[in-house]
Amino acid sequence: MAAISASMHGHEVILLEKMKSLGKKLLITGKGRCNITSSLGIEEFIKNTPGNGKFLYSCYQNFTNKDIIHFLNKQGLEVKEERGNRIFPKTDKSQDVLNCFIKKLKELKVEIRYETQAKKILTKQENDKTQVVAVETNKGIIQADKIILATGGKSYPLTGSTGDGYKMVEQLGHTVKELKPSLVPMEIYSKSISKALQGLSLKNVAIKFLDTKTRQNYI
């Protein structure tokens, strides 16, 4: 989406993708159906953003949940709303969502370089200001005067989310706080319990457990 937006504003854009294809993580969202967004108002987005949600207020206002739906509709994909204000493609296929992005990238003639991993953002000092000059990749140096760093988090290495972005921003002098997982599997030491629950998909279920070190209960 960032590459599309930059290209629409008249920039020459190169999209670096370290995997063999685009959207590996997008394809597994919503159990392969792609939970695109929510129909809730932006104020609810802010309330449900961990930490300082208000920090993202301007971002949410500049590109809303309605904007992404409008974008997909223009590419020929219809959406539907399900329980819990969740928006899915009517086809129930995440591949159809990804195809909308690929179609637009091709239409805008964005250059996509596959299996090209960004390793470091190269800068120079000029008039007491830091300026971007290039990106160092596994396939050489690529000159650039602007860079959008969109590497994802560190949640799913098989999809390419290996935390590369954190290293690069640290190299630029930014501070990265301790990473905390969200929506991750729980490892249970009791084989009998874990085997009995294997493969089950549960709805509206809460789990309560005790931290034996702090003696604190969590739900």
N, C-alpha and C. Protein backbone atom coordinates (compact mmCIF):
# COMPACT_ATOMS: atom_id res chain seq x y z
N MET A 1 0.83 -1.20 0.00
CA MET A 1 0.00 0.00 0.00
C MET A 1 0.86 1.25 0.00
N ALA A 2 1.96 1.21 0.73
CA ALA A 2 2.88 2.36 0.76
C ALA A 2 3.50 2.60 -0.61
N ALA A 3 3.88 1.51 -1.29
CA ALA A 3 4.46 1.62 -2.64
C ALA A 3 3.44 2.18 -3.61
N ILE A 4 2.20 1.74 -3.48
CA ILE A 4 1.12 2.23 -4.33
C ILE A 4 0.89 3.72 -4.11
N SER A 5 0.81 4.12 -2.85
CA SER A 5 0.56 5.52 -2.51
C SER A 5 1.69 6.42 -3.02
N ALA A 6 2.93 6.00 -2.81
CA ALA A 6 4.08 6.79 -3.25
C ALA A 6 4.09 6.94 -4.77
N SER A 7 3.77 5.86 -5.47
CA SER A 7 3.74 5.89 -6.92
C SER A 7 2.63 6.80 -7.43
N MET A 8 1.48 6.77 -6.77
CA MET A 8 0.35 7.60 -7.16
C MET A 8 0.65 9.09 -7.00
N HIS A 9 1.63 9.39 -6.12
CA HIS A 9 2.04 10.78 -5.91
C HIS A 9 3.20 11.18 -6.83
N GLY A 10 3.46 10.35 -7.83
CA GLY A 10 4.43 10.71 -8.85
C GLY A 10 5.87 10.31 -8.61
N HIS A 11 6.12 9.49 -7.60
CA HIS A 11 7.49 9.06 -7.31
C HIS A 11 7.87 7.80 -8.10
N GLU A 12 9.15 7.68 -8.41
CA GLU A 12 9.67 6.44 -8.99
C GLU A 12 9.91 5.48 -7.83
N VAL A 13 9.24 4.34 -7.84
CA VAL A 13 9.24 3.46 -6.66
C VAL A 13 9.82 2.08 -6.98
N ILE A 14 10.70 1.63 -6.08
CA ILE A 14 11.20 0.25 -6.12
C ILE A 14 10.74 -0.44 -4.84
N LEU A 15 10.05 -1.54 -4.97
CA LEU A 15 9.57 -2.30 -3.82
C LEU A 15 10.50 -3.49 -3.60
N LEU A 16 11.16 -3.52 -2.45
CA LEU A 16 12.07 -4.62 -2.12
C LEU A 16 11.31 -5.69 -1.32
N GLU A 17 11.32 -6.90 -1.81
CA GLU A 17 10.64 -8.02 -1.16
C GLU A 17 11.63 -9.15 -0.96
N LYS A 18 11.91 -9.47 0.31
CA LYS A 18 12.94 -10.49 0.55
C LYS A 18 12.46 -11.92 0.30
N MET A 19 11.13 -12.11 0.24
CA MET A 19 10.59 -13.44 -0.05
C MET A 19 10.48 -13.64 -1.57
N LYS A 20 10.08 -14.85 -1.97
CA LYS A 20 9.94 -15.15 -3.40
C LYS A 20 8.66 -14.58 -3.99
N SER A 21 7.72 -14.19 -3.12
CA SER A 21 6.46 -13.62 -3.58
C SER A 21 5.94 -12.63 -2.55
N LEU A 22 4.99 -11.81 -2.94
CA LEU A 22 4.44 -10.79 -2.05
C LEU A 22 3.37 -11.37 -1.12
N GLY A 23 3.18 -10.70 0.02
CA GLY A 23 2.02 -10.97 0.87
C GLY A 23 1.93 -12.29 1.57
N LYS A 24 3.05 -12.89 1.93
CA LYS A 24 3.03 -14.19 2.62
C LYS A 24 2.19 -14.13 3.90
N LYS A 25 2.37 -13.03 4.66
CA LYS A 25 1.66 -12.92 5.92
C LYS A 25 0.19 -12.57 5.70
N LEU A 26 -0.06 -11.75 4.70
CA LEU A 26 -1.44 -11.38 4.38
C LEU A 26 -2.28 -12.62 4.06
N LEU A 27 -1.67 -13.58 3.37
CA LEU A 27 -2.39 -14.77 2.92
C LEU A 27 -2.89 -15.65 4.07
N ILE A 28 -2.22 -15.58 5.24
CA ILE A 28 -2.64 -16.45 6.35
C ILE A 28 -3.56 -15.73 7.33
N THR A 29 -3.82 -14.44 7.11
CA THR A 29 -4.68 -13.70 8.05
C THR A 29 -6.12 -14.19 7.96
N GLY A 30 -6.81 -14.13 9.09
CA GLY A 30 -8.21 -14.55 9.13
C GLY A 30 -8.40 -15.98 8.70
N LYS A 31 -7.44 -16.84 9.07
CA LYS A 31 -7.48 -18.27 8.71
C LYS A 31 -7.58 -18.45 7.20
N GLY A 32 -6.84 -17.61 6.47
CA GLY A 32 -6.81 -17.72 5.03
C GLY A 32 -7.91 -16.95 4.32
N ARG A 33 -8.76 -16.25 5.12
CA ARG A 33 -9.86 -15.49 4.52
C ARG A 33 -9.56 -13.99 4.50
N CYS A 34 -8.57 -13.55 5.27
CA CYS A 34 -8.13 -12.16 5.37
C CYS A 34 -9.16 -11.26 6.06
N ASN A 35 -8.96 -11.08 7.35
CA ASN A 35 -9.77 -10.13 8.12
C ASN A 35 -9.23 -8.73 7.80
N ILE A 36 -9.84 -8.07 6.81
CA ILE A 36 -9.30 -6.83 6.24
C ILE A 36 -9.24 -5.70 7.26
N THR A 37 -10.35 -5.45 7.92
CA THR A 37 -10.43 -4.32 8.85
C THR A 37 -11.65 -4.51 9.73
N SER A 38 -12.03 -3.45 10.44
CA SER A 38 -13.23 -3.45 11.28
C SER A 38 -14.14 -2.32 10.82
N SER A 39 -15.43 -2.48 11.06
CA SER A 39 -16.38 -1.44 10.68
C SER A 39 -16.56 -0.39 11.78
N LEU A 40 -15.87 -0.58 12.90
CA LEU A 40 -15.98 0.36 14.02
C LEU A 40 -15.43 1.74 13.65
N GLY A 41 -15.85 2.77 14.40
CA GLY A 41 -15.35 4.12 14.18
C GLY A 41 -13.89 4.24 14.58
N ILE A 42 -13.22 5.27 14.08
CA ILE A 42 -11.80 5.46 14.35
C ILE A 42 -11.52 5.64 15.84
N GLU A 43 -12.44 6.25 16.57
CA GLU A 43 -12.26 6.42 18.02
C GLU A 43 -12.12 5.06 18.71
N GLU A 44 -12.86 4.07 18.20
CA GLU A 44 -12.76 2.72 18.76
C GLU A 44 -11.42 2.07 18.41
N PHE A 45 -10.91 2.38 17.22
CA PHE A 45 -9.57 1.90 16.84
C PHE A 45 -8.54 2.39 17.86
N ILE A 46 -8.64 3.68 18.18
CA ILE A 46 -7.68 4.30 19.11
C ILE A 46 -7.78 3.68 20.49
N LYS A 47 -9.01 3.45 20.95
CA LYS A 47 -9.23 2.85 22.28
C LYS A 47 -8.64 1.45 22.36
N ASN A 48 -8.69 0.73 21.23
CA ASN A 48 -8.23 -0.67 21.22
C ASN A 48 -6.78 -0.84 20.76
N THR A 49 -6.07 0.27 20.61
CA THR A 49 -4.65 0.19 20.26
C THR A 49 -3.83 0.15 21.55
N PRO A 50 -3.05 -0.91 21.77
CA PRO A 50 -2.25 -1.01 23.00
C PRO A 50 -1.30 0.18 23.15
N GLY A 51 -1.13 0.65 24.38
CA GLY A 51 -0.23 1.78 24.62
C GLY A 51 -0.91 3.10 24.34
N ASN A 52 -0.20 3.98 23.68
CA ASN A 52 -0.71 5.32 23.40
C ASN A 52 -1.42 5.37 22.05
N GLY A 53 -2.68 5.00 22.04
CA GLY A 53 -3.45 4.95 20.80
C GLY A 53 -3.60 6.30 20.13
N LYS A 54 -3.64 7.35 20.92
CA LYS A 54 -3.82 8.70 20.37
C LYS A 54 -2.65 9.10 19.46
N PHE A 55 -1.50 8.48 19.66
CA PHE A 55 -0.33 8.76 18.83
C PHE A 55 -0.63 8.47 17.36
N LEU A 56 -1.51 7.50 17.11
CA LEU A 56 -1.83 7.09 15.75
C LEU A 56 -3.06 7.81 15.18
N TYR A 57 -3.58 8.78 15.90
CA TYR A 57 -4.81 9.45 15.49
C TYR A 57 -4.71 10.02 14.07
N SER A 58 -3.63 10.74 13.78
CA SER A 58 -3.49 11.37 12.46
C SER A 58 -3.37 10.31 11.36
N CYS A 59 -2.68 9.20 11.66
CA CYS A 59 -2.55 8.11 10.68
C CYS A 59 -3.91 7.51 10.36
N TYR A 60 -4.67 7.23 11.41
CA TYR A 60 -6.00 6.66 11.22
C TYR A 60 -6.91 7.59 10.42
N GLN A 61 -6.77 8.89 10.65
CA GLN A 61 -7.61 9.86 9.95
C GLN A 61 -7.21 10.01 8.49
N ASN A 62 -5.91 9.86 8.20
CA ASN A 62 -5.43 10.02 6.83
C ASN A 62 -5.76 8.83 5.94
N PHE A 63 -5.87 7.65 6.53
CA PHE A 63 -6.25 6.46 5.77
C PHE A 63 -7.10 5.59 6.68
N THR A 64 -8.41 5.66 6.50
CA THR A 64 -9.35 5.01 7.41
C THR A 64 -9.73 3.61 6.94
N ASN A 65 -10.52 2.94 7.78
CA ASN A 65 -11.05 1.63 7.41
C ASN A 65 -11.95 1.73 6.17
N LYS A 66 -12.62 2.86 6.02
CA LYS A 66 -13.47 3.06 4.84
C LYS A 66 -12.61 3.22 3.58
N ASP A 67 -11.43 3.83 3.74
CA ASP A 67 -10.53 4.03 2.60
C ASP A 67 -10.02 2.71 2.03
N ILE A 68 -9.67 1.76 2.91
CA ILE A 68 -9.15 0.48 2.42
C ILE A 68 -10.27 -0.31 1.74
N ILE A 69 -11.49 -0.20 2.26
CA ILE A 69 -12.64 -0.87 1.63
C ILE A 69 -12.90 -0.27 0.25
N HIS A 70 -12.83 1.07 0.17
CA HIS A 70 -13.04 1.77 -1.11
C HIS A 70 -11.97 1.35 -2.12
N PHE A 71 -10.73 1.24 -1.65
CA PHE A 71 -9.63 0.83 -2.54
C PHE A 71 -9.89 -0.55 -3.13
N LEU A 72 -10.28 -1.50 -2.28
CA LEU A 72 -10.53 -2.87 -2.74
C LEU A 72 -11.73 -2.93 -3.67
N ASN A 73 -12.77 -2.15 -3.34
CA ASN A 73 -13.94 -2.09 -4.22
C ASN A 73 -13.57 -1.60 -5.61
N LYS A 74 -12.70 -0.59 -5.69
CA LYS A 74 -12.27 -0.05 -6.98
C LYS A 74 -11.48 -1.07 -7.79
N GLN A 75 -10.83 -2.00 -7.08
CA GLN A 75 -10.09 -3.07 -7.76
C GLN A 75 -10.98 -4.25 -8.13
N GLY A 76 -12.28 -4.11 -7.80
CA GLY A 76 -13.23 -5.15 -8.19
C GLY A 76 -13.54 -6.18 -7.13
N LEU A 77 -13.11 -5.93 -5.88
CA LEU A 77 -13.36 -6.90 -4.80
C LEU A 77 -14.44 -6.38 -3.85
N GLU A 78 -15.50 -7.15 -3.67
CA GLU A 78 -16.55 -6.78 -2.73
C GLU A 78 -16.24 -7.38 -1.36
N VAL A 79 -16.71 -6.68 -0.32
CA VAL A 79 -16.46 -7.14 1.05
C VAL A 79 -17.78 -7.37 1.78
N LYS A 80 -17.68 -8.03 2.93
CA LYS A 80 -18.85 -8.30 3.76
C LYS A 80 -18.49 -8.11 5.23
N GLU A 81 -19.50 -7.86 6.05
CA GLU A 81 -19.27 -7.68 7.49
C GLU A 81 -19.78 -8.90 8.24
N GLU A 82 -18.96 -9.39 9.18
CA GLU A 82 -19.34 -10.55 9.98
C GLU A 82 -19.37 -10.19 11.46
N ARG A 83 -19.64 -11.19 12.29
CA ARG A 83 -19.72 -11.01 13.74
C ARG A 83 -18.50 -10.26 14.28
N GLY A 84 -18.74 -9.35 15.20
CA GLY A 84 -17.66 -8.61 15.83
C GLY A 84 -17.12 -7.49 14.96
N ASN A 85 -17.95 -6.98 14.03
CA ASN A 85 -17.58 -5.84 13.16
C ASN A 85 -16.42 -6.15 12.23
N ARG A 86 -16.18 -7.42 11.95
CA ARG A 86 -15.04 -7.82 11.11
C ARG A 86 -15.42 -7.77 9.63
N ILE A 87 -14.51 -7.23 8.82
CA ILE A 87 -14.72 -7.12 7.39
C ILE A 87 -13.86 -8.14 6.65
N PHE A 88 -14.52 -8.96 5.81
CA PHE A 88 -13.84 -9.98 5.00
C PHE A 88 -14.19 -9.80 3.53
N PRO A 89 -13.36 -10.34 2.62
CA PRO A 89 -13.76 -10.34 1.21
C PRO A 89 -14.94 -11.29 1.04
N LYS A 90 -15.86 -10.95 0.13
CA LYS A 90 -17.03 -11.81 -0.08
C LYS A 90 -16.64 -13.20 -0.57
N THR A 91 -15.50 -13.29 -1.22
CA THR A 91 -15.04 -14.57 -1.75
C THR A 91 -14.45 -15.48 -0.68
N ASP A 92 -14.17 -14.90 0.52
CA ASP A 92 -13.52 -15.64 1.61
C ASP A 92 -12.13 -16.13 1.25
N LYS A 93 -11.45 -15.43 0.35
CA LYS A 93 -10.10 -15.82 -0.08
C LYS A 93 -9.14 -14.64 0.10
N SER A 94 -8.13 -14.84 0.94
CA SER A 94 -7.13 -13.78 1.15
C SER A 94 -6.33 -13.51 -0.13
N GLN A 95 -6.21 -14.52 -0.98
CA GLN A 95 -5.48 -14.35 -2.25
C GLN A 95 -6.13 -13.26 -3.10
N ASP A 96 -7.46 -13.13 -3.02
CA ASP A 96 -8.16 -12.12 -3.81
C ASP A 96 -7.83 -10.71 -3.33
N VAL A 97 -7.58 -10.56 -2.03
CA VAL A 97 -7.17 -9.27 -1.47
C VAL A 97 -5.76 -8.94 -1.97
N LEU A 98 -4.87 -9.92 -1.88
CA LEU A 98 -3.50 -9.73 -2.35
C LEU A 98 -3.47 -9.39 -3.84
N ASN A 99 -4.32 -10.04 -4.61
CA ASN A 99 -4.36 -9.79 -6.05
C ASN A 99 -4.73 -8.34 -6.37
N CYS A 100 -5.54 -7.72 -5.52
CA CYS A 100 -5.91 -6.31 -5.71
C CYS A 100 -4.67 -5.42 -5.62
N PHE A 101 -3.82 -5.69 -4.66
CA PHE A 101 -2.59 -4.91 -4.49
C PHE A 101 -1.63 -5.14 -5.66
N ILE A 102 -1.47 -6.41 -6.05
CA ILE A 102 -0.56 -6.74 -7.15
C ILE A 102 -1.04 -6.10 -8.45
N LYS A 103 -2.34 -6.14 -8.67
CA LYS A 103 -2.93 -5.53 -9.87
C LYS A 103 -2.62 -4.04 -9.94
N LYS A 104 -2.76 -3.35 -8.79
CA LYS A 104 -2.50 -1.90 -8.76
C LYS A 104 -1.02 -1.60 -8.92
N LEU A 105 -0.16 -2.40 -8.32
CA LEU A 105 1.29 -2.22 -8.46
C LEU A 105 1.71 -2.33 -9.92
N LYS A 106 1.15 -3.32 -10.61
CA LYS A 106 1.47 -3.50 -12.03
C LYS A 106 0.94 -2.33 -12.86
N GLU A 107 -0.26 -1.88 -12.53
CA GLU A 107 -0.87 -0.76 -13.24
C GLU A 107 -0.01 0.50 -13.12
N LEU A 108 0.58 0.70 -11.94
CA LEU A 108 1.42 1.88 -11.69
C LEU A 108 2.87 1.67 -12.12
N LYS A 109 3.17 0.46 -12.60
CA LYS A 109 4.52 0.11 -13.05
C LYS A 109 5.57 0.24 -11.94
N VAL A 110 5.19 -0.16 -10.74
CA VAL A 110 6.13 -0.19 -9.61
C VAL A 110 7.09 -1.36 -9.83
N GLU A 111 8.39 -1.10 -9.72
CA GLU A 111 9.39 -2.16 -9.89
C GLU A 111 9.48 -2.98 -8.61
N ILE A 112 9.26 -4.29 -8.74
CA ILE A 112 9.33 -5.19 -7.58
C ILE A 112 10.56 -6.08 -7.71
N ARG A 113 11.41 -6.04 -6.70
CA ARG A 113 12.61 -6.89 -6.71
C ARG A 113 12.47 -7.98 -5.64
N TYR A 114 12.21 -9.21 -6.09
CA TYR A 114 12.00 -10.34 -5.18
C TYR A 114 13.34 -10.89 -4.67
N GLU A 115 13.25 -11.57 -3.54
CA GLU A 115 14.42 -12.17 -2.87
C GLU A 115 15.54 -11.13 -2.69
N THR A 116 15.11 -9.91 -2.41
CA THR A 116 16.05 -8.81 -2.16
C THR A 116 15.82 -8.29 -0.75
N GLN A 117 16.75 -8.60 0.15
CA GLN A 117 16.59 -8.26 1.56
C GLN A 117 17.32 -6.97 1.91
N ALA A 118 16.57 -5.99 2.42
CA ALA A 118 17.18 -4.76 2.90
C ALA A 118 17.94 -5.06 4.19
N LYS A 119 19.18 -4.63 4.25
CA LYS A 119 20.00 -4.92 5.43
C LYS A 119 20.34 -3.66 6.23
N LYS A 120 20.52 -2.55 5.54
CA LYS A 120 20.93 -1.33 6.22
C LYS A 120 20.53 -0.10 5.40
N ILE A 121 20.08 0.95 6.10
CA ILE A 121 19.77 2.22 5.44
C ILE A 121 21.01 3.11 5.55
N LEU A 122 21.54 3.52 4.41
CA LEU A 122 22.76 4.32 4.38
C LEU A 122 22.41 5.80 4.35
N THR A 123 23.08 6.58 5.18
CA THR A 123 22.80 8.01 5.29
C THR A 123 24.08 8.84 5.22
N LYS A 124 23.91 10.15 5.09
CA LYS A 124 25.05 11.07 5.17
C LYS A 124 24.62 12.33 5.93
N GLN A 125 25.59 13.02 6.51
CA GLN A 125 25.32 14.26 7.24
C GLN A 125 25.54 15.44 6.31
N GLU A 126 24.54 16.31 6.22
CA GLU A 126 24.66 17.50 5.38
C GLU A 126 23.93 18.66 6.05
N ASN A 127 24.68 19.73 6.35
CA ASN A 127 24.12 20.90 7.04
C ASN A 127 23.43 20.50 8.35
N ASP A 128 24.13 19.67 9.13
CA ASP A 128 23.64 19.19 10.42
C ASP A 128 22.35 18.37 10.33
N LYS A 129 22.06 17.87 9.15
CA LYS A 129 20.88 17.04 8.97
C LYS A 129 21.28 15.68 8.39
N THR A 130 20.58 14.65 8.83
CA THR A 130 20.84 13.31 8.31
C THR A 130 19.98 13.07 7.08
N GLN A 131 20.62 12.70 5.99
CA GLN A 131 19.90 12.44 4.75
C GLN A 131 20.09 11.00 4.30
N VAL A 132 19.01 10.40 3.85
CA VAL A 132 19.07 9.04 3.30
C VAL A 132 19.72 9.09 1.92
N VAL A 133 20.62 8.15 1.65
CA VAL A 133 21.27 8.12 0.33
C VAL A 133 21.09 6.78 -0.40
N ALA A 134 20.92 5.70 0.37
CA ALA A 134 20.84 4.38 -0.29
C ALA A 134 20.39 3.30 0.68
N VAL A 135 20.10 2.12 0.12
CA VAL A 135 19.77 0.94 0.92
C VAL A 135 20.77 -0.16 0.57
N GLU A 136 21.35 -0.75 1.59
CA GLU A 136 22.25 -1.88 1.38
C GLU A 136 21.42 -3.16 1.42
N THR A 137 21.52 -3.98 0.37
CA THR A 137 20.76 -5.23 0.31
C THR A 137 21.69 -6.41 0.09
N ASN A 138 21.12 -7.60 0.11
CA ASN A 138 21.91 -8.81 -0.15
C ASN A 138 22.33 -8.91 -1.61
N LYS A 139 21.81 -8.00 -2.44
CA LYS A 139 22.16 -8.00 -3.86
C LYS A 139 22.83 -6.69 -4.29
N GLY A 140 23.37 -5.97 -3.31
CA GLY A 140 24.07 -4.74 -3.64
C GLY A 140 23.40 -3.49 -3.10
N ILE A 141 23.95 -2.33 -3.48
CA ILE A 141 23.47 -1.04 -3.00
C ILE A 141 22.45 -0.47 -3.98
N ILE A 142 21.33 0.05 -3.44
CA ILE A 142 20.31 0.69 -4.26
C ILE A 142 20.20 2.15 -3.82
N GLN A 143 20.46 3.07 -4.73
CA GLN A 143 20.40 4.50 -4.42
C GLN A 143 18.95 4.92 -4.21
N ALA A 144 18.72 5.80 -3.23
CA ALA A 144 17.37 6.31 -2.95
C ALA A 144 17.47 7.58 -2.14
N ASP A 145 16.54 8.51 -2.40
CA ASP A 145 16.53 9.73 -1.59
C ASP A 145 15.43 9.70 -0.52
N LYS A 146 14.53 8.71 -0.63
CA LYS A 146 13.51 8.50 0.40
C LYS A 146 13.27 7.01 0.56
N ILE A 147 13.00 6.61 1.80
CA ILE A 147 12.76 5.19 2.08
C ILE A 147 11.56 5.05 3.00
N ILE A 148 10.67 4.12 2.67
CA ILE A 148 9.58 3.75 3.58
C ILE A 148 9.94 2.38 4.14
N LEU A 149 10.15 2.34 5.44
CA LEU A 149 10.54 1.08 6.09
C LEU A 149 9.26 0.37 6.55
N ALA A 150 8.93 -0.72 5.89
CA ALA A 150 7.69 -1.46 6.20
C ALA A 150 8.00 -2.95 6.23
N THR A 151 8.76 -3.36 7.23
CA THR A 151 9.24 -4.75 7.29
C THR A 151 8.36 -5.65 8.15
N GLY A 152 7.34 -5.07 8.78
CA GLY A 152 6.53 -5.88 9.69
C GLY A 152 7.24 -6.07 11.01
N GLY A 153 6.70 -6.90 11.87
CA GLY A 153 7.27 -7.10 13.20
C GLY A 153 8.23 -8.28 13.24
N LYS A 154 8.07 -9.08 14.32
CA LYS A 154 8.97 -10.23 14.50
C LYS A 154 8.14 -11.47 14.86
N SER A 155 6.91 -11.50 14.35
CA SER A 155 5.96 -12.48 14.84
C SER A 155 5.91 -13.80 14.08
N TYR A 156 6.33 -13.80 12.81
CA TYR A 156 6.15 -15.02 12.02
C TYR A 156 7.29 -15.14 11.01
N PRO A 157 8.45 -15.65 11.44
CA PRO A 157 9.64 -15.74 10.58
C PRO A 157 9.42 -16.40 9.23
N LEU A 158 8.55 -17.41 9.17
CA LEU A 158 8.32 -18.11 7.90
C LEU A 158 7.71 -17.21 6.83
N THR A 159 7.05 -16.14 7.27
CA THR A 159 6.45 -15.21 6.31
C THR A 159 7.38 -14.04 5.99
N GLY A 160 8.54 -14.01 6.66
CA GLY A 160 9.48 -12.91 6.43
C GLY A 160 9.55 -11.93 7.58
N SER A 161 8.64 -12.05 8.56
CA SER A 161 8.64 -11.13 9.71
C SER A 161 9.68 -11.58 10.74
N THR A 162 10.92 -11.17 10.52
CA THR A 162 12.02 -11.64 11.37
C THR A 162 12.65 -10.53 12.22
N GLY A 163 12.02 -9.35 12.21
CA GLY A 163 12.52 -8.25 13.04
C GLY A 163 13.63 -7.43 12.40
N ASP A 164 13.79 -7.54 11.08
CA ASP A 164 14.84 -6.78 10.39
C ASP A 164 14.71 -5.27 10.61
N GLY A 165 13.47 -4.79 10.62
CA GLY A 165 13.23 -3.35 10.75
C GLY A 165 13.75 -2.77 12.04
N TYR A 166 13.65 -3.55 13.13
CA TYR A 166 14.13 -3.07 14.43
C TYR A 166 15.64 -2.83 14.40
N LYS A 167 16.36 -3.74 13.76
CA LYS A 167 17.82 -3.60 13.66
C LYS A 167 18.19 -2.36 12.86
N MET A 168 17.46 -2.14 11.77
CA MET A 168 17.79 -1.01 10.90
C MET A 168 17.52 0.34 11.56
N VAL A 169 16.43 0.43 12.31
CA VAL A 169 16.15 1.72 12.96
C VAL A 169 17.10 1.97 14.13
N GLU A 170 17.55 0.88 14.78
CA GLU A 170 18.55 1.03 15.84
C GLU A 170 19.87 1.56 15.27
N GLN A 171 20.22 1.08 14.08
CA GLN A 171 21.45 1.55 13.42
C GLN A 171 21.36 3.04 13.09
N LEU A 172 20.13 3.53 12.93
CA LEU A 172 19.93 4.96 12.63
C LEU A 172 19.85 5.81 13.90
N GLY A 173 19.93 5.16 15.06
CA GLY A 173 19.94 5.91 16.31
C GLY A 173 18.64 5.91 17.08
N HIS A 174 17.63 5.20 16.58
CA HIS A 174 16.35 5.13 17.28
C HIS A 174 16.42 4.13 18.43
N THR A 175 15.57 4.33 19.41
CA THR A 175 15.49 3.41 20.55
C THR A 175 14.35 2.43 20.34
N VAL A 176 14.63 1.16 20.46
CA VAL A 176 13.60 0.12 20.32
C VAL A 176 13.33 -0.46 21.70
N LYS A 177 12.07 -0.39 22.12
CA LYS A 177 11.69 -0.93 23.42
C LYS A 177 11.61 -2.46 23.36
N GLU A 178 11.55 -3.07 24.53
CA GLU A 178 11.47 -4.52 24.61
C GLU A 178 10.22 -5.00 23.85
N LEU A 179 10.39 -5.99 22.99
CA LEU A 179 9.28 -6.51 22.20
C LEU A 179 8.42 -7.44 23.05
N LYS A 180 7.09 -7.34 22.85
CA LYS A 180 6.17 -8.20 23.58
C LYS A 180 5.25 -8.90 22.60
N PRO A 181 5.06 -10.22 22.76
CA PRO A 181 4.23 -10.97 21.82
C PRO A 181 2.74 -10.71 22.01
N SER A 182 1.97 -10.96 20.96
CA SER A 182 0.51 -10.83 21.02
C SER A 182 -0.09 -11.88 20.10
N LEU A 183 -1.20 -12.48 20.52
CA LEU A 183 -1.85 -13.53 19.73
C LEU A 183 -0.88 -14.64 19.35
N VAL A 184 -0.29 -15.23 20.37
CA VAL A 184 0.69 -16.30 20.14
C VAL A 184 0.21 -17.60 20.79
N PRO A 185 0.72 -18.74 20.32
CA PRO A 185 0.31 -20.01 20.93
C PRO A 185 0.87 -20.18 22.33
N MET A 186 0.18 -20.96 23.14
CA MET A 186 0.65 -21.27 24.49
C MET A 186 1.27 -22.66 24.49
N GLU A 187 2.41 -22.79 25.14
CA GLU A 187 3.05 -24.11 25.25
C GLU A 187 2.67 -24.72 26.59
N ILE A 188 2.11 -25.92 26.53
CA ILE A 188 1.66 -26.60 27.75
C ILE A 188 2.53 -27.83 27.97
N TYR A 189 3.03 -27.99 29.17
CA TYR A 189 3.96 -29.08 29.45
C TYR A 189 3.25 -30.43 29.63
N SER A 190 1.96 -30.39 30.00
CA SER A 190 1.21 -31.63 30.18
C SER A 190 0.83 -32.19 28.81
N LYS A 191 1.42 -33.30 28.42
CA LYS A 191 1.16 -33.90 27.11
C LYS A 191 -0.28 -34.37 26.96
N SER A 192 -0.87 -34.86 28.05
CA SER A 192 -2.23 -35.39 27.97
C SER A 192 -3.24 -34.28 27.65
N ILE A 193 -3.03 -33.09 28.25
CA ILE A 193 -3.96 -31.98 28.01
C ILE A 193 -3.76 -31.44 26.61
N SER A 194 -2.52 -31.20 26.22
CA SER A 194 -2.25 -30.59 24.92
C SER A 194 -2.70 -31.48 23.77
N LYS A 195 -2.54 -32.81 23.92
CA LYS A 195 -2.94 -33.73 22.85
C LYS A 195 -4.45 -33.75 22.69
N ALA A 196 -5.17 -33.65 23.81
CA ALA A 196 -6.64 -33.69 23.77
C ALA A 196 -7.21 -32.44 23.10
N LEU A 197 -6.49 -31.32 23.21
CA LEU A 197 -6.98 -30.06 22.65
C LEU A 197 -6.48 -29.79 21.24
N GLN A 198 -5.59 -30.62 20.76
CA GLN A 198 -4.96 -30.41 19.45
C GLN A 198 -6.00 -30.34 18.32
N GLY A 199 -5.91 -29.29 17.51
CA GLY A 199 -6.80 -29.17 16.35
C GLY A 199 -8.15 -28.56 16.63
N LEU A 200 -8.44 -28.26 17.91
CA LEU A 200 -9.74 -27.67 18.25
C LEU A 200 -9.73 -26.17 18.00
N SER A 201 -10.83 -25.65 17.46
CA SER A 201 -11.01 -24.21 17.28
C SER A 201 -12.12 -23.78 18.23
N LEU A 202 -11.76 -23.00 19.24
CA LEU A 202 -12.72 -22.64 20.30
C LEU A 202 -13.16 -21.18 20.19
N LYS A 203 -14.43 -20.93 20.45
CA LYS A 203 -14.97 -19.57 20.40
C LYS A 203 -15.42 -19.13 21.79
N ASN A 204 -15.26 -17.83 22.07
CA ASN A 204 -15.73 -17.24 23.34
C ASN A 204 -15.23 -18.02 24.56
N VAL A 205 -13.93 -18.31 24.55
CA VAL A 205 -13.32 -19.10 25.64
C VAL A 205 -12.25 -18.26 26.34
N ALA A 206 -12.23 -18.35 27.67
CA ALA A 206 -11.19 -17.66 28.45
C ALA A 206 -10.34 -18.70 29.17
N ILE A 207 -9.06 -18.39 29.34
CA ILE A 207 -8.15 -19.28 30.06
C ILE A 207 -7.56 -18.53 31.25
N LYS A 208 -7.56 -19.16 32.39
CA LYS A 208 -6.99 -18.55 33.59
C LYS A 208 -5.78 -19.37 34.01
N PHE A 209 -4.64 -18.70 34.22
CA PHE A 209 -3.47 -19.44 34.66
C PHE A 209 -2.70 -18.66 35.72
N LEU A 210 -1.90 -19.37 36.48
CA LEU A 210 -1.16 -18.79 37.60
C LEU A 210 0.32 -18.73 37.27
N ASP A 211 0.92 -17.54 37.43
CA ASP A 211 2.36 -17.37 37.28
C ASP A 211 2.99 -17.82 38.60
N THR A 212 3.68 -18.95 38.57
CA THR A 212 4.21 -19.52 39.81
C THR A 212 5.32 -18.67 40.44
N LYS A 213 5.93 -17.79 39.65
CA LYS A 213 6.99 -16.94 40.19
C LYS A 213 6.41 -15.73 40.94
N THR A 214 5.41 -15.08 40.33
CA THR A 214 4.85 -13.87 40.95
C THR A 214 3.59 -14.17 41.74
N ARG A 215 3.06 -15.40 41.60
CA ARG A 215 1.82 -15.83 42.25
C ARG A 215 0.64 -14.98 41.79
N GLN A 216 0.72 -14.49 40.57
CA GLN A 216 -0.33 -13.63 40.02
C GLN A 216 -1.17 -14.40 39.01
N ASN A 217 -2.48 -14.19 39.09
CA ASN A 217 -3.40 -14.85 38.16
C ASN A 217 -3.58 -14.01 36.90
N TYR A 218 -3.67 -14.68 35.76
CA TYR A 218 -3.92 -14.02 34.48
C TYR A 218 -5.11 -14.68 33.79
N ILE A 219 -5.91 -13.88 33.08
CA ILE A 219 -7.03 -14.40 32.32
C ILE A 219 -6.83 -14.06 30.85
